[in-house]
Amino acid sequence: MEVRYTLTLKDHLAWYDYYLATPKGARFQSSLPLVAGIFNRFRRWKYSRQVTLSPSHHALGERTLDATEKELREFSPEFSFTTAWSEIGLMTITPNHLFLAHTSMNAHIVPLHFFKSDVKRESFLSFAKSHVPTNAV
């Protein structure tokens, strides 16, 4: 079961914003009320620079996520990597994205509008839910 899509900086920032709202991500938020806004905006800007500059420039662009019984494989002409379902630490569906995050919190980010139909999207999401560890959903 696979989905082809294109990732943009906006998609990566959606993951960044979501991650900061998790207990693991909260530690990256400033606890100082007077500088929190500036500090948090700077960290977000720094993250966006990391995603768009070398060597991370492959983080943007077209790719395919192939979900099999054993693993997830994300690939493009430039790269290919796999993640066993047992290594998925978080699965979240937002109104615009599917986030499948490794226990390290590196994530497969799938914009939901790239599914060819609602049926294909729901089928993929159901398949993923049935394969991620119970504590990850």
Protein backbone atom coordinates (compact mmCIF):
# COMPACT_ATOMS: atom_id res chain seq x y z
CA MET A 1 0.00 0.00 0.00
CA GLU A 2 1.61 3.26 -1.03
CA VAL A 3 1.06 6.97 -1.39
CA ARG A 4 3.05 9.42 -3.54
CA TYR A 5 3.32 13.00 -2.33
CA THR A 6 5.43 16.13 -2.23
CA LEU A 7 6.72 17.63 1.01
CA THR A 8 7.11 21.36 1.45
CA LEU A 9 8.56 23.48 4.21
CA LYS A 10 4.97 24.11 5.35
CA ASP A 11 4.53 20.34 5.93
CA HIS A 12 7.74 20.13 7.98
CA LEU A 13 6.69 23.13 10.04
CA ALA A 14 3.32 21.45 10.69
CA TRP A 15 5.24 18.49 12.15
CA TYR A 16 7.49 20.83 14.15
CA ASP A 17 4.52 22.67 15.62
CA TYR A 18 2.72 19.43 16.42
CA TYR A 19 5.82 17.91 18.00
CA LEU A 20 6.34 20.91 20.29
CA ALA A 21 2.85 20.31 21.67
CA THR A 22 3.76 16.73 22.71
CA PRO A 23 5.32 15.95 26.11
CA LYS A 24 8.66 15.11 24.44
CA GLY A 25 8.63 18.30 22.39
CA ALA A 26 7.59 20.56 25.27
CA ARG A 27 11.16 20.48 26.58
CA PHE A 28 12.17 22.59 23.55
CA GLN A 29 9.76 25.37 24.52
CA SER A 30 11.09 28.27 26.57
CA SER A 31 9.76 28.41 30.12
CA LEU A 32 10.66 32.09 30.52
CA PRO A 33 7.48 34.09 29.84
CA LEU A 34 9.22 37.31 28.77
CA VAL A 35 11.42 35.73 26.09
CA ALA A 36 9.36 32.67 25.17
CA GLY A 37 7.82 34.18 22.03
CA ILE A 38 11.12 35.40 20.63
CA PHE A 39 13.00 32.25 21.61
CA ASN A 40 10.34 29.93 20.17
CA ARG A 41 10.14 31.89 16.89
CA PHE A 42 13.93 31.76 16.60
CA ARG A 43 13.97 27.97 17.15
CA ARG A 44 11.23 27.51 14.53
CA TRP A 45 13.17 29.69 12.06
CA LYS A 46 16.34 27.70 12.80
CA TYR A 47 14.46 24.44 12.15
CA SER A 48 13.14 25.76 8.83
CA ARG A 49 16.70 26.68 7.79
CA GLN A 50 17.92 23.19 8.70
CA VAL A 51 15.24 21.60 6.53
CA THR A 52 15.90 23.75 3.48
CA LEU A 53 19.72 23.86 3.42
CA SER A 54 22.24 21.15 2.59
CA PRO A 55 22.62 18.42 3.62
CA SER A 56 18.89 18.25 4.45
CA HIS A 57 17.65 19.57 1.10
CA HIS A 58 16.25 16.09 0.32
CA ALA A 59 13.69 16.66 3.09
CA LEU A 60 11.63 18.58 0.52
CA GLY A 61 10.16 17.32 -2.71
CA GLU A 62 8.51 14.25 -4.16
CA ARG A 63 8.58 10.88 -2.45
CA THR A 64 6.64 7.69 -1.92
CA LEU A 65 5.70 6.00 1.33
CA ASP A 66 5.20 2.26 0.92
CA ALA A 67 3.55 0.46 3.83
CA THR A 68 3.97 -3.32 3.97
CA GLU A 69 3.17 -5.88 6.64
CA LYS A 70 6.70 -5.54 8.06
CA GLU A 71 7.71 -1.92 7.60
CA LEU A 72 7.38 1.54 6.13
CA ARG A 73 9.70 2.50 3.30
CA GLU A 74 10.02 6.13 2.30
CA PHE A 75 11.90 6.73 -0.92
CA SER A 76 12.65 9.06 -3.81
CA PRO A 77 15.27 8.99 -6.56
CA GLU A 78 17.77 10.46 -4.04
CA PHE A 79 17.17 8.31 -0.94
CA SER A 80 15.47 5.30 0.56
CA PHE A 81 15.02 4.34 4.19
CA THR A 82 12.86 1.92 6.10
CA THR A 83 11.24 1.91 9.52
CA ALA A 84 9.89 -1.25 11.14
CA TRP A 85 6.36 -0.85 12.47
CA SER A 86 7.67 -1.77 15.93
CA GLU A 87 9.88 1.36 15.84
CA ILE A 88 6.95 3.75 15.35
CA GLY A 89 6.51 5.67 18.58
CA LEU A 90 3.69 7.98 17.52
CA MET A 91 0.93 7.97 14.94
CA THR A 92 -1.21 11.07 14.66
CA ILE A 93 -3.77 12.21 12.13
CA THR A 94 -4.43 15.95 12.01
CA PRO A 95 -6.86 17.65 9.64
CA ASN A 96 -4.06 17.99 7.05
CA HIS A 97 -1.38 15.41 7.83
CA LEU A 98 -0.53 11.90 8.89
CA PHE A 99 2.52 11.81 11.16
CA LEU A 100 4.21 8.46 11.69
CA ALA A 101 7.12 9.16 14.00
CA HIS A 102 10.01 6.87 14.84
CA THR A 103 10.78 6.55 18.54
CA SER A 104 13.55 9.14 17.91
CA MET A 105 10.73 11.50 16.77
CA ASN A 106 11.97 11.70 13.18
CA ALA A 107 8.74 11.46 11.24
CA HIS A 108 7.18 10.32 8.03
CA ILE A 109 5.02 13.35 7.17
CA VAL A 110 2.19 12.62 4.74
CA PRO A 111 -0.05 15.46 3.55
CA LEU A 112 -3.53 13.91 3.45
CA HIS A 113 -4.65 15.72 0.29
CA PHE A 114 -2.30 13.56 -1.81
CA PHE A 115 -4.46 10.46 -1.42
CA LYS A 116 -6.35 9.91 -4.67
CA SER A 117 -9.68 9.42 -2.88
CA ASP A 118 -11.25 9.36 0.57
CA VAL A 119 -11.49 5.58 0.30
CA LYS A 120 -7.75 5.21 -0.41
CA ARG A 121 -6.91 7.59 2.43
CA GLU A 122 -9.11 5.73 4.92
CA SER A 123 -7.75 2.38 3.75
CA PHE A 124 -4.15 3.54 4.25
CA LEU A 125 -4.92 5.07 7.67
CA SER A 126 -6.72 1.92 8.79
CA PHE A 127 -3.80 -0.23 7.63
CA ALA A 128 -1.32 1.97 9.49
CA LYS A 129 -3.41 1.97 12.68
CA SER A 130 -3.53 -1.81 12.60
CA HIS A 131 0.28 -2.03 12.36
CA VAL A 132 1.65 0.59 14.76
CA PRO A 133 2.30 -0.45 18.35
CA THR A 134 -0.74 0.10 20.55
CA ASN A 135 0.98 2.74 22.67
CA ALA A 136 1.81 4.80 19.55
CA VAL A 137 -1.77 5.60 18.52
